[in-house]
Full PDB file with SEQRES, HELIX, SHEET, SSBOND, CRYST1, ORIGX, SCALE, CONECT and MASTER records, all heavy atoms in Angstrom:
SEQRES   1 A   36  PRO LYS PHE VAL GLN PRO HIS ILE ARG LEU ARG ILE GLU          
SEQRES   2 A   36  LYS HIS LEU ARG GLU LYS VAL ARG LYS ALA ASN LEU LYS          
SEQRES   3 A   36  LYS GLN THR GLN ALA LYS LEU GLU GLU ARG                      
HELIX    1 AA1 LYS A    2  VAL A    4  5                                   3    
HELIX    2 AA2 GLN A    5  GLU A   35  1                                  31    
CRYST1    1.000    1.000    1.000  90.00  90.00  90.00 P 1           1          
ORIGX1      1.000000  0.000000  0.000000        0.00000                         
ORIGX2      0.000000  1.000000  0.000000        0.00000                         
ORIGX3      0.000000  0.000000  1.000000        0.00000                         
SCALE1      1.000000  0.000000  0.000000        0.00000                         
SCALE2      0.000000  1.000000  0.000000        0.00000                         
SCALE3      0.000000  0.000000  1.000000        0.00000                         
ATOM      1  N   PRO A   1    -136.013 330.256 203.007  1.00  0.00           N  
ATOM      2  CA  PRO A   1    -137.393 330.524 202.561  1.00  0.00           C  
ATOM      3  C   PRO A   1    -138.438 329.799 203.448  1.00  0.00           C  
ATOM      4  O   PRO A   1    -138.156 328.832 204.144  1.00  0.00           O  
ATOM      5  CB  PRO A   1    -137.445 329.968 201.109  1.00  0.00           C  
ATOM      6  CG  PRO A   1    -135.994 329.905 200.714  1.00  0.00           C  
ATOM      7  CD  PRO A   1    -135.263 329.596 201.942  1.00  0.00           C  
ATOM      8  N   LYS A   2    -139.653 330.243 203.419  1.00  0.00           N  
ATOM      9  CA  LYS A   2    -140.738 329.699 204.220  1.00  0.00           C  
ATOM     10  C   LYS A   2    -141.101 328.272 203.821  1.00  0.00           C  
ATOM     11  O   LYS A   2    -141.412 327.460 204.629  1.00  0.00           O  
ATOM     12  CB  LYS A   2    -141.958 330.550 204.141  1.00  0.00           C  
ATOM     13  CG  LYS A   2    -141.774 331.906 204.850  1.00  0.00           C  
ATOM     14  CD  LYS A   2    -143.080 332.721 204.841  1.00  0.00           C  
ATOM     15  CE  LYS A   2    -142.858 334.036 205.589  1.00  0.00           C  
ATOM     16  NZ  LYS A   2    -144.072 334.836 205.546  1.00  0.00           N  
ATOM     17  N   PHE A   3    -141.066 327.955 202.469  1.00  0.00           N  
ATOM     18  CA  PHE A   3    -141.408 326.633 202.039  1.00  0.00           C  
ATOM     19  C   PHE A   3    -140.415 325.542 202.418  1.00  0.00           C  
ATOM     20  O   PHE A   3    -140.688 324.375 202.203  1.00  0.00           O  
ATOM     21  CB  PHE A   3    -141.662 326.641 200.528  1.00  0.00           C  
ATOM     22  CG  PHE A   3    -140.387 326.961 199.702  1.00  0.00           C  
ATOM     23  CD1 PHE A   3    -139.479 325.958 199.360  1.00  0.00           C  
ATOM     24  CD2 PHE A   3    -140.161 328.259 199.305  1.00  0.00           C  
ATOM     25  CE1 PHE A   3    -138.355 326.300 198.655  1.00  0.00           C  
ATOM     26  CE2 PHE A   3    -139.057 328.564 198.575  1.00  0.00           C  
ATOM     27  CZ  PHE A   3    -138.135 327.548 198.232  1.00  0.00           C  
ATOM     28  N   VAL A   4    -139.250 325.970 203.014  1.00  0.00           N  
ATOM     29  CA  VAL A   4    -138.265 324.958 203.403  1.00  0.00           C  
ATOM     30  C   VAL A   4    -138.523 324.568 204.827  1.00  0.00           C  
ATOM     31  O   VAL A   4    -137.994 323.461 205.195  1.00  0.00           O  
ATOM     32  CB  VAL A   4    -136.862 325.608 203.271  1.00  0.00           C  
ATOM     33  CG1 VAL A   4    -135.776 324.651 203.682  1.00  0.00           C  
ATOM     34  CG2 VAL A   4    -136.567 326.111 201.822  1.00  0.00           C  
ATOM     35  N   GLN A   5    -139.311 325.172 205.647  1.00  0.00           N  
ATOM     36  CA  GLN A   5    -139.541 324.854 207.019  1.00  0.00           C  
ATOM     37  C   GLN A   5    -140.096 323.411 207.215  1.00  0.00           C  
ATOM     38  O   GLN A   5    -139.567 322.624 208.037  1.00  0.00           O  
ATOM     39  CB  GLN A   5    -140.517 325.850 207.659  1.00  0.00           C  
ATOM     40  CG  GLN A   5    -139.922 327.280 207.740  1.00  0.00           C  
ATOM     41  CD  GLN A   5    -138.783 327.402 208.625  1.00  0.00           C  
ATOM     42  OE1 GLN A   5    -138.584 326.615 209.593  1.00  0.00           O  
ATOM     43  NE2 GLN A   5    -137.962 328.364 208.390  1.00  0.00           N  
ATOM     44  N   PRO A   6    -141.113 322.934 206.404  1.00  0.00           N  
ATOM     45  CA  PRO A   6    -141.543 321.507 206.612  1.00  0.00           C  
ATOM     46  C   PRO A   6    -140.395 320.520 206.279  1.00  0.00           C  
ATOM     47  O   PRO A   6    -140.346 319.473 206.957  1.00  0.00           O  
ATOM     48  CB  PRO A   6    -142.716 321.400 205.609  1.00  0.00           C  
ATOM     49  CG  PRO A   6    -143.166 322.793 205.410  1.00  0.00           C  
ATOM     50  CD  PRO A   6    -141.922 323.642 205.475  1.00  0.00           C  
ATOM     51  N   HIS A   7    -139.563 320.833 205.349  1.00  0.00           N  
ATOM     52  CA  HIS A   7    -138.466 319.921 204.986  1.00  0.00           C  
ATOM     53  C   HIS A   7    -137.438 319.839 206.090  1.00  0.00           C  
ATOM     54  O   HIS A   7    -136.763 318.814 206.257  1.00  0.00           O  
ATOM     55  CB  HIS A   7    -137.882 320.319 203.652  1.00  0.00           C  
ATOM     56  CG  HIS A   7    -138.845 320.347 202.516  1.00  0.00           C  
ATOM     57  ND1 HIS A   7    -139.165 319.155 201.810  1.00  0.00           N  
ATOM     58  CD2 HIS A   7    -139.563 321.339 201.879  1.00  0.00           C  
ATOM     59  CE1 HIS A   7    -140.062 319.383 200.866  1.00  0.00           C  
ATOM     60  NE2 HIS A   7    -140.273 320.739 200.905  1.00  0.00           N  
ATOM     61  N   ILE A   8    -137.232 320.929 206.850  1.00  0.00           N  
ATOM     62  CA  ILE A   8    -136.314 320.896 207.969  1.00  0.00           C  
ATOM     63  C   ILE A   8    -136.791 319.982 208.973  1.00  0.00           C  
ATOM     64  O   ILE A   8    -136.037 319.156 209.554  1.00  0.00           O  
ATOM     65  CB  ILE A   8    -136.149 322.346 208.495  1.00  0.00           C  
ATOM     66  CG1 ILE A   8    -135.494 323.272 207.526  1.00  0.00           C  
ATOM     67  CG2 ILE A   8    -135.334 322.306 209.806  1.00  0.00           C  
ATOM     68  CD1 ILE A   8    -135.435 324.740 207.956  1.00  0.00           C  
ATOM     69  N   ARG A   9    -138.097 319.930 209.275  1.00  0.00           N  
ATOM     70  CA  ARG A   9    -138.670 319.055 210.253  1.00  0.00           C  
ATOM     71  C   ARG A   9    -138.491 317.574 209.800  1.00  0.00           C  
ATOM     72  O   ARG A   9    -138.152 316.700 210.575  1.00  0.00           O  
ATOM     73  CB  ARG A   9    -140.127 319.354 210.489  1.00  0.00           C  
ATOM     74  CG  ARG A   9    -140.827 318.457 211.511  1.00  0.00           C  
ATOM     75  CD  ARG A   9    -142.262 318.799 211.653  1.00  0.00           C  
ATOM     76  NE  ARG A   9    -142.974 318.716 210.363  1.00  0.00           N  
ATOM     77  CZ  ARG A   9    -143.447 317.552 209.869  1.00  0.00           C  
ATOM     78  NH1 ARG A   9    -143.259 316.424 210.505  1.00  0.00           N  
ATOM     79  NH2 ARG A   9    -144.077 317.551 208.731  1.00  0.00           N  
ATOM     80  N   LEU A  10    -138.702 317.298 208.505  1.00  0.00           N  
ATOM     81  CA  LEU A  10    -138.543 315.965 207.999  1.00  0.00           C  
ATOM     82  C   LEU A  10    -137.088 315.540 208.037  1.00  0.00           C  
ATOM     83  O   LEU A  10    -136.774 314.330 208.321  1.00  0.00           O  
ATOM     84  CB  LEU A  10    -139.067 315.960 206.555  1.00  0.00           C  
ATOM     85  CG  LEU A  10    -140.567 316.084 206.407  1.00  0.00           C  
ATOM     86  CD1 LEU A  10    -140.931 316.144 204.858  1.00  0.00           C  
ATOM     87  CD2 LEU A  10    -141.300 315.008 207.061  1.00  0.00           C  
ATOM     88  N   ARG A  11    -136.155 316.442 207.846  1.00  0.00           N  
ATOM     89  CA  ARG A  11    -134.751 316.110 207.872  1.00  0.00           C  
ATOM     90  C   ARG A  11    -134.330 315.716 209.287  1.00  0.00           C  
ATOM     91  O   ARG A  11    -133.614 314.768 209.492  1.00  0.00           O  
ATOM     92  CB  ARG A  11    -133.857 317.243 207.371  1.00  0.00           C  
ATOM     93  CG  ARG A  11    -132.438 316.914 207.213  1.00  0.00           C  
ATOM     94  CD  ARG A  11    -131.608 318.079 206.778  1.00  0.00           C  
ATOM     95  NE  ARG A  11    -131.474 319.058 207.871  1.00  0.00           N  
ATOM     96  CZ  ARG A  11    -131.892 320.327 207.750  1.00  0.00           C  
ATOM     97  NH1 ARG A  11    -132.554 320.688 206.632  1.00  0.00           N  
ATOM     98  NH2 ARG A  11    -131.799 321.193 208.748  1.00  0.00           N  
ATOM     99  N   ILE A  12    -134.802 316.462 210.287  1.00  0.00           N  
ATOM    100  CA  ILE A  12    -134.543 316.150 211.678  1.00  0.00           C  
ATOM    101  C   ILE A  12    -135.118 314.787 212.057  1.00  0.00           C  
ATOM    102  O   ILE A  12    -134.460 313.966 212.789  1.00  0.00           O  
ATOM    103  CB  ILE A  12    -135.052 317.270 212.621  1.00  0.00           C  
ATOM    104  CG1 ILE A  12    -134.312 318.542 212.302  1.00  0.00           C  
ATOM    105  CG2 ILE A  12    -134.866 316.862 214.063  1.00  0.00           C  
ATOM    106  CD1 ILE A  12    -134.858 319.767 213.085  1.00  0.00           C  
ATOM    107  N   GLU A  13    -136.334 314.489 211.616  1.00  0.00           N  
ATOM    108  CA  GLU A  13    -136.961 313.253 211.930  1.00  0.00           C  
ATOM    109  C   GLU A  13    -136.154 312.062 211.276  1.00  0.00           C  
ATOM    110  O   GLU A  13    -135.935 311.019 211.923  1.00  0.00           O  
ATOM    111  CB  GLU A  13    -138.408 313.271 211.386  1.00  0.00           C  
ATOM    112  CG  GLU A  13    -139.204 311.992 211.712  1.00  0.00           C  
ATOM    113  CD  GLU A  13    -140.615 312.086 211.202  1.00  0.00           C  
ATOM    114  OE1 GLU A  13    -141.017 313.148 210.755  1.00  0.00           O  
ATOM    115  OE2 GLU A  13    -141.322 311.082 211.312  1.00  0.00           O  
ATOM    116  N   LYS A  14    -135.674 312.270 210.128  1.00  0.00           N  
ATOM    117  CA  LYS A  14    -134.873 311.267 209.413  1.00  0.00           C  
ATOM    118  C   LYS A  14    -133.598 310.954 210.157  1.00  0.00           C  
ATOM    119  O   LYS A  14    -133.143 309.805 210.300  1.00  0.00           O  
ATOM    120  CB  LYS A  14    -134.621 311.673 207.964  1.00  0.00           C  
ATOM    121  CG  LYS A  14    -133.845 310.693 207.207  1.00  0.00           C  
ATOM    122  CD  LYS A  14    -133.615 311.190 205.812  1.00  0.00           C  
ATOM    123  CE  LYS A  14    -132.753 310.176 204.966  1.00  0.00           C  
ATOM    124  NZ  LYS A  14    -132.513 310.641 203.587  1.00  0.00           N  
ATOM    125  N   HIS A  15    -132.971 312.039 210.656  1.00  0.00           N  
ATOM    126  CA  HIS A  15    -131.710 311.882 211.404  1.00  0.00           C  
ATOM    127  C   HIS A  15    -131.959 311.115 212.693  1.00  0.00           C  
ATOM    128  O   HIS A  15    -131.125 310.285 213.026  1.00  0.00           O  
ATOM    129  CB  HIS A  15    -131.175 313.322 211.725  1.00  0.00           C  
ATOM    130  CG  HIS A  15    -129.995 313.316 212.584  1.00  0.00           C  
ATOM    131  ND1 HIS A  15    -128.722 312.812 212.180  1.00  0.00           N  
ATOM    132  CD2 HIS A  15    -129.824 313.648 213.869  1.00  0.00           C  
ATOM    133  CE1 HIS A  15    -127.903 312.901 213.178  1.00  0.00           C  
ATOM    134  NE2 HIS A  15    -128.547 313.441 214.220  1.00  0.00           N  
ATOM    135  N   LEU A  16    -133.053 311.448 213.384  1.00  0.00           N  
ATOM    136  CA  LEU A  16    -133.296 310.715 214.643  1.00  0.00           C  
ATOM    137  C   LEU A  16    -133.580 309.253 214.386  1.00  0.00           C  
ATOM    138  O   LEU A  16    -133.159 308.341 215.164  1.00  0.00           O  
ATOM    139  CB  LEU A  16    -134.479 311.388 215.384  1.00  0.00           C  
ATOM    140  CG  LEU A  16    -134.181 312.791 215.878  1.00  0.00           C  
ATOM    141  CD1 LEU A  16    -135.421 313.397 216.492  1.00  0.00           C  
ATOM    142  CD2 LEU A  16    -133.074 312.762 216.893  1.00  0.00           C  
ATOM    143  N   ARG A  17    -134.341 308.920 213.321  1.00  0.00           N  
ATOM    144  CA  ARG A  17    -134.607 307.541 212.979  1.00  0.00           C  
ATOM    145  C   ARG A  17    -133.308 306.794 212.595  1.00  0.00           C  
ATOM    146  O   ARG A  17    -133.139 305.583 213.060  1.00  0.00           O  
ATOM    147  CB  ARG A  17    -135.587 307.467 211.873  1.00  0.00           C  
ATOM    148  CG  ARG A  17    -137.074 307.814 212.174  1.00  0.00           C  
ATOM    149  CD  ARG A  17    -137.921 307.724 210.962  1.00  0.00           C  
ATOM    150  NE  ARG A  17    -139.320 308.011 211.326  1.00  0.00           N  
ATOM    151  CZ  ARG A  17    -140.334 308.009 210.413  1.00  0.00           C  
ATOM    152  NH1 ARG A  17    -140.069 307.713 209.183  1.00  0.00           N  
ATOM    153  NH2 ARG A  17    -141.559 308.339 210.828  1.00  0.00           N  
ATOM    154  N   GLU A  18    -132.404 307.433 211.903  1.00  0.00           N  
ATOM    155  CA  GLU A  18    -131.150 306.802 211.598  1.00  0.00           C  
ATOM    156  C   GLU A  18    -130.343 306.529 212.804  1.00  0.00           C  
ATOM    157  O   GLU A  18    -129.642 305.454 212.939  1.00  0.00           O  
ATOM    158  CB  GLU A  18    -130.366 307.689 210.597  1.00  0.00           C  
ATOM    159  CG  GLU A  18    -129.111 307.061 210.053  1.00  0.00           C  
ATOM    160  CD  GLU A  18    -129.435 305.920 209.049  1.00  0.00           C  
ATOM    161  OE1 GLU A  18    -130.598 305.869 208.533  1.00  0.00           O  
ATOM    162  OE2 GLU A  18    -128.500 305.138 208.767  1.00  0.00           O  
ATOM    163  N   LYS A  19    -130.369 307.436 213.729  1.00  0.00           N  
ATOM    164  CA  LYS A  19    -129.601 307.314 215.010  1.00  0.00           C  
ATOM    165  C   LYS A  19    -130.159 306.080 215.798  1.00  0.00           C  
ATOM    166  O   LYS A  19    -129.355 305.278 216.342  1.00  0.00           O  
ATOM    167  CB  LYS A  19    -129.693 308.576 215.797  1.00  0.00           C  
ATOM    168  CG  LYS A  19    -128.819 308.616 217.001  1.00  0.00           C  
ATOM    169  CD  LYS A  19    -128.889 309.965 217.670  1.00  0.00           C  
ATOM    170  CE  LYS A  19    -128.025 309.982 218.962  1.00  0.00           C  
ATOM    171  NZ  LYS A  19    -128.120 311.341 219.627  1.00  0.00           N  
ATOM    172  N   VAL A  20    -131.463 306.014 215.903  1.00  0.00           N  
ATOM    173  CA  VAL A  20    -132.077 304.893 216.649  1.00  0.00           C  
ATOM    174  C   VAL A  20    -131.784 303.549 215.962  1.00  0.00           C  
ATOM    175  O   VAL A  20    -131.514 302.542 216.630  1.00  0.00           O  
ATOM    176  CB  VAL A  20    -133.529 305.087 216.847  1.00  0.00           C  
ATOM    177  CG1 VAL A  20    -134.307 303.889 217.428  1.00  0.00           C  
ATOM    178  CG2 VAL A  20    -133.833 306.357 217.731  1.00  0.00           C  
ATOM    179  N   ARG A  21    -131.860 303.554 214.628  1.00  0.00           N  
ATOM    180  CA  ARG A  21    -131.525 302.272 213.873  1.00  0.00           C  
ATOM    181  C   ARG A  21    -130.124 301.812 214.160  1.00  0.00           C  
ATOM    182  O   ARG A  21    -129.854 300.621 214.265  1.00  0.00           O  
ATOM    183  CB  ARG A  21    -131.776 302.518 212.407  1.00  0.00           C  
ATOM    184  CG  ARG A  21    -131.764 301.202 211.530  1.00  0.00           C  
ATOM    185  CD  ARG A  21    -131.956 301.584 210.102  1.00  0.00           C  
ATOM    186  NE  ARG A  21    -130.794 302.327 209.560  1.00  0.00           N  
ATOM    187  CZ  ARG A  21    -129.647 301.789 209.177  1.00  0.00           C  
ATOM    188  NH1 ARG A  21    -129.476 300.434 209.219  1.00  0.00           N  
ATOM    189  NH2 ARG A  21    -128.678 302.520 208.695  1.00  0.00           N  
ATOM    190  N   LYS A  22    -129.173 302.704 214.135  1.00  0.00           N  
ATOM    191  CA  LYS A  22    -127.759 302.317 214.348  1.00  0.00           C  
ATOM    192  C   LYS A  22    -127.585 301.781 215.781  1.00  0.00           C  
ATOM    193  O   LYS A  22    -126.836 300.859 216.011  1.00  0.00           O  
ATOM    194  CB  LYS A  22    -126.839 303.521 214.116  1.00  0.00           C  
ATOM    195  CG  LYS A  22    -126.730 303.922 212.642  1.00  0.00           C  
ATOM    196  CD  LYS A  22    -125.727 305.043 212.483  1.00  0.00           C  
ATOM    197  CE  LYS A  22    -125.605 305.435 211.019  1.00  0.00           C  
ATOM    198  NZ  LYS A  22    -124.652 306.570 210.834  1.00  0.00           N  
ATOM    199  N   ALA A  23    -128.259 302.433 216.745  1.00  0.00           N  
ATOM    200  CA  ALA A  23    -128.143 301.931 218.111  1.00  0.00           C  
ATOM    201  C   ALA A  23    -128.722 300.587 218.278  1.00  0.00           C  
ATOM    202  O   ALA A  23    -128.127 299.651 218.997  1.00  0.00           O  
ATOM    203  CB  ALA A  23    -128.854 302.917 219.090  1.00  0.00           C  
ATOM    204  N   ASN A  24    -129.885 300.330 217.674  1.00  0.00           N  
ATOM    205  CA  ASN A  24    -130.481 298.966 217.747  1.00  0.00           C  
ATOM    206  C   ASN A  24    -129.620 297.881 217.029  1.00  0.00           C  
ATOM    207  O   ASN A  24    -129.458 296.756 217.501  1.00  0.00           O  
ATOM    208  CB  ASN A  24    -131.888 298.961 217.113  1.00  0.00           C  
ATOM    209  CG  ASN A  24    -132.865 299.776 217.907  1.00  0.00           C  
ATOM    210  OD1 ASN A  24    -132.698 299.952 219.131  1.00  0.00           O  
ATOM    211  ND2 ASN A  24    -133.863 300.330 217.256  1.00  0.00           N  
ATOM    212  N   LEU A  25    -128.985 298.304 215.878  1.00  0.00           N  
ATOM    213  CA  LEU A  25    -128.149 297.370 215.191  1.00  0.00           C  
ATOM    214  C   LEU A  25    -126.907 297.004 215.961  1.00  0.00           C  
ATOM    215  O   LEU A  25    -126.442 295.890 215.992  1.00  0.00           O  
ATOM    216  CB  LEU A  25    -127.740 297.966 213.874  1.00  0.00           C  
ATOM    217  CG  LEU A  25    -126.822 297.164 212.906  1.00  0.00           C  
ATOM    218  CD1 LEU A  25    -127.574 295.835 212.559  1.00  0.00           C  
ATOM    219  CD2 LEU A  25    -126.435 297.890 211.668  1.00  0.00           C  
ATOM    220  N   LYS A  26    -126.414 297.999 216.746  1.00  0.00           N  
ATOM    221  CA  LYS A  26    -125.234 297.716 217.557  1.00  0.00           C  
ATOM    222  C   LYS A  26    -125.660 296.799 218.730  1.00  0.00           C  
ATOM    223  O   LYS A  26    -124.836 295.908 219.046  1.00  0.00           O  
ATOM    224  CB  LYS A  26    -124.714 299.053 218.111  1.00  0.00           C  
ATOM    225  CG  LYS A  26    -123.422 298.902 218.903  1.00  0.00           C  
ATOM    226  CD  LYS A  26    -122.938 300.277 219.326  1.00  0.00           C  
ATOM    227  CE  LYS A  26    -121.638 300.186 220.132  1.00  0.00           C  
ATOM    228  NZ  LYS A  26    -121.113 301.493 220.579  1.00  0.00           N  
ATOM    229  N   LYS A  27    -126.796 297.004 219.262  1.00  0.00           N  
ATOM    230  CA  LYS A  27    -127.208 296.084 220.369  1.00  0.00           C  
ATOM    231  C   LYS A  27    -127.403 294.654 219.895  1.00  0.00           C  
ATOM    232  O   LYS A  27    -127.048 293.687 220.556  1.00  0.00           O  
ATOM    233  CB  LYS A  27    -128.564 296.642 220.998  1.00  0.00           C  
ATOM    234  CG  LYS A  27    -128.331 297.861 221.802  1.00  0.00           C  
ATOM    235  CD  LYS A  27    -129.670 298.349 222.372  1.00  0.00           C  
ATOM    236  CE  LYS A  27    -129.483 299.630 223.227  1.00  0.00           C  
ATOM    237  NZ  LYS A  27    -130.774 300.063 223.827  1.00  0.00           N  
ATOM    238  N   GLN A  28    -128.002 294.474 218.701  1.00  0.00           N  
ATOM    239  CA  GLN A  28    -128.218 293.176 218.174  1.00  0.00           C  
ATOM    240  C   GLN A  28    -126.891 292.512 217.829  1.00  0.00           C  
ATOM    241  O   GLN A  28    -126.762 291.259 218.126  1.00  0.00           O  
ATOM    242  CB  GLN A  28    -129.057 293.254 216.879  1.00  0.00           C  
ATOM    243  CG  GLN A  28    -130.478 293.690 217.122  1.00  0.00           C  
ATOM    244  CD  GLN A  28    -131.273 293.838 215.836  1.00  0.00           C  
ATOM    245  OE1 GLN A  28    -130.746 293.613 214.725  1.00  0.00           O  
ATOM    246  NE2 GLN A  28    -132.529 294.344 215.926  1.00  0.00           N  
ATOM    247  N   THR A  29    -125.929 293.193 217.321  1.00  0.00           N  
ATOM    248  CA  THR A  29    -124.640 292.678 217.040  1.00  0.00           C  
ATOM    249  C   THR A  29    -123.931 292.201 218.325  1.00  0.00           C  
ATOM    250  O   THR A  29    -123.286 291.160 218.370  1.00  0.00           O  
ATOM    251  CB  THR A  29    -123.782 293.629 216.270  1.00  0.00           C  
ATOM    252  OG1 THR A  29    -124.470 294.107 215.113  1.00  0.00           O  
ATOM    253  CG2 THR A  29    -122.452 293.060 215.861  1.00  0.00           C  
ATOM    254  N   GLN A  30    -124.063 293.034 219.363  1.00  0.00           N  
ATOM    255  CA  GLN A  30    -123.437 292.678 220.661  1.00  0.00           C  
ATOM    256  C   GLN A  30    -124.110 291.424 221.275  1.00  0.00           C  
ATOM    257  O   GLN A  30    -123.375 290.574 221.816  1.00  0.00           O  
ATOM    258  CB  GLN A  30    -123.509 293.847 221.631  1.00  0.00           C  
ATOM    259  CG  GLN A  30    -122.836 293.690 222.941  1.00  0.00           C  
ATOM    260  CD  GLN A  30    -121.315 293.745 222.805  1.00  0.00           C  
ATOM    261  OE1 GLN A  30    -120.821 294.213 221.784  1.00  0.00           O  
ATOM    262  NE2 GLN A  30    -120.593 293.161 223.751  1.00  0.00           N  
ATOM    263  N   ALA A  31    -125.362 291.362 221.081  1.00  0.00           N  
ATOM    264  CA  ALA A  31    -126.084 290.178 221.636  1.00  0.00           C  
ATOM    265  C   ALA A  31    -125.703 288.873 220.907  1.00  0.00           C  
ATOM    266  O   ALA A  31    -125.511 287.809 221.526  1.00  0.00           O  
ATOM    267  CB  ALA A  31    -127.589 290.422 221.545  1.00  0.00           C  
ATOM    268  N   LYS A  32    -125.536 288.989 219.536  1.00  0.00           N  
ATOM    269  CA  LYS A  32    -125.148 287.755 218.825  1.00  0.00           C  
ATOM    270  C   LYS A  32    -123.694 287.335 219.165  1.00  0.00           C  
ATOM    271  O   LYS A  32    -123.474 286.127 219.272  1.00  0.00           O  
ATOM    272  CB  LYS A  32    -125.243 288.111 217.329  1.00  0.00           C  
ATOM    273  CG  LYS A  32    -126.654 288.192 216.752  1.00  0.00           C  
ATOM    274  CD  LYS A  32    -126.633 288.540 215.271  1.00  0.00           C  
ATOM    275  CE  LYS A  32    -128.060 288.658 214.783  1.00  0.00           C  
ATOM    276  NZ  LYS A  32    -128.166 288.994 213.311  1.00  0.00           N  
ATOM    277  N   LEU A  33    -122.792 288.353 219.355  1.00  0.00           N  
ATOM    278  CA  LEU A  33    -121.445 287.986 219.715  1.00  0.00           C  
ATOM    279  C   LEU A  33    -121.400 287.300 221.105  1.00  0.00           C  
ATOM    280  O   LEU A  33    -120.641 286.342 221.339  1.00  0.00           O  
ATOM    281  CB  LEU A  33    -120.552 289.232 219.720  1.00  0.00           C  
ATOM    282  CG  LEU A  33    -120.252 289.795 218.309  1.00  0.00           C  
ATOM    283  CD1 LEU A  33    -119.572 291.163 218.478  1.00  0.00           C  
ATOM    284  CD2 LEU A  33    -119.484 288.835 217.508  1.00  0.00           C  
ATOM    285  N   GLU A  34    -122.183 287.817 222.069  1.00  0.00           N  
ATOM    286  CA  GLU A  34    -122.204 287.255 223.394  1.00  0.00           C  
ATOM    287  C   GLU A  34    -122.848 285.813 223.395  1.00  0.00           C  
ATOM    288  O   GLU A  34    -122.444 285.027 224.125  1.00  0.00           O  
ATOM    289  CB  GLU A  34    -123.017 288.102 224.363  1.00  0.00           C  
ATOM    290  CG  GLU A  34    -122.258 289.477 224.638  1.00  0.00           C  
ATOM    291  CD  GLU A  34    -123.116 290.327 225.572  1.00  0.00           C  
ATOM    292  OE1 GLU A  34    -124.284 289.933 225.873  1.00  0.00           O  
ATOM    293  OE2 GLU A  34    -122.587 291.447 225.907  1.00  0.00           O  
ATOM    294  N   GLU A  35    -123.826 285.637 222.473  1.00  0.00           N  
ATOM    295  CA  GLU A  35    -124.406 284.249 222.400  1.00  0.00           C  
ATOM    296  C   GLU A  35    -123.430 283.277 221.758  1.00  0.00           C  
ATOM    297  O   GLU A  35    -123.381 282.107 222.108  1.00  0.00           O  
ATOM    298  CB  GLU A  35    -125.676 284.372 221.552  1.00  0.00           C  
ATOM    299  CG  GLU A  35    -126.419 283.070 221.429  1.00  0.00           C  
ATOM    300  CD  GLU A  35    -127.657 283.184 220.534  1.00  0.00           C  
ATOM    301  OE1 GLU A  35    -127.974 284.282 220.167  1.00  0.00           O  
ATOM    302  OE2 GLU A  35    -128.325 282.134 220.360  1.00  0.00           O  
ATOM    303  N   ARG A  36    -122.601 283.763 220.769  1.00  0.00           N  
ATOM    304  CA  ARG A  36    -121.639 282.882 220.108  1.00  0.00           C  
ATOM    305  C   ARG A  36    -120.388 282.659 220.981  1.00  0.00           C  
ATOM    306  O   ARG A  36    -119.822 281.595 220.951  1.00  0.00           O  
ATOM    307  CB  ARG A  36    -121.289 283.465 218.755  1.00  0.00           C  
ATOM    308  CG  ARG A  36    -120.452 282.591 217.923  1.00  0.00           C  
ATOM    309  CD  ARG A  36    -120.209 283.152 216.534  1.00  0.00           C  
ATOM    310  NE  ARG A  36    -119.418 282.323 215.699  1.00  0.00           N  
ATOM    311  CZ  ARG A  36    -119.024 282.608 214.433  1.00  0.00           C  
ATOM    312  NH1 ARG A  36    -119.479 283.712 213.937  1.00  0.00           N  
ATOM    313  NH2 ARG A  36    -118.282 281.769 213.802  1.00  0.00           N  
TER     314      ARG A  36                                                      
MASTER        0    0    0    2    0    0    0    6  313    1    0    3          
END                                                                             
């Protein structure tokens, strides 16, 4: 339906934010392990 189109955009945006958050968390964990 047409009213679902805005929600599709929001779902894609949420997916990209989750992907970036996981990548940053992985980098922070790697940096802590290298420091320790």
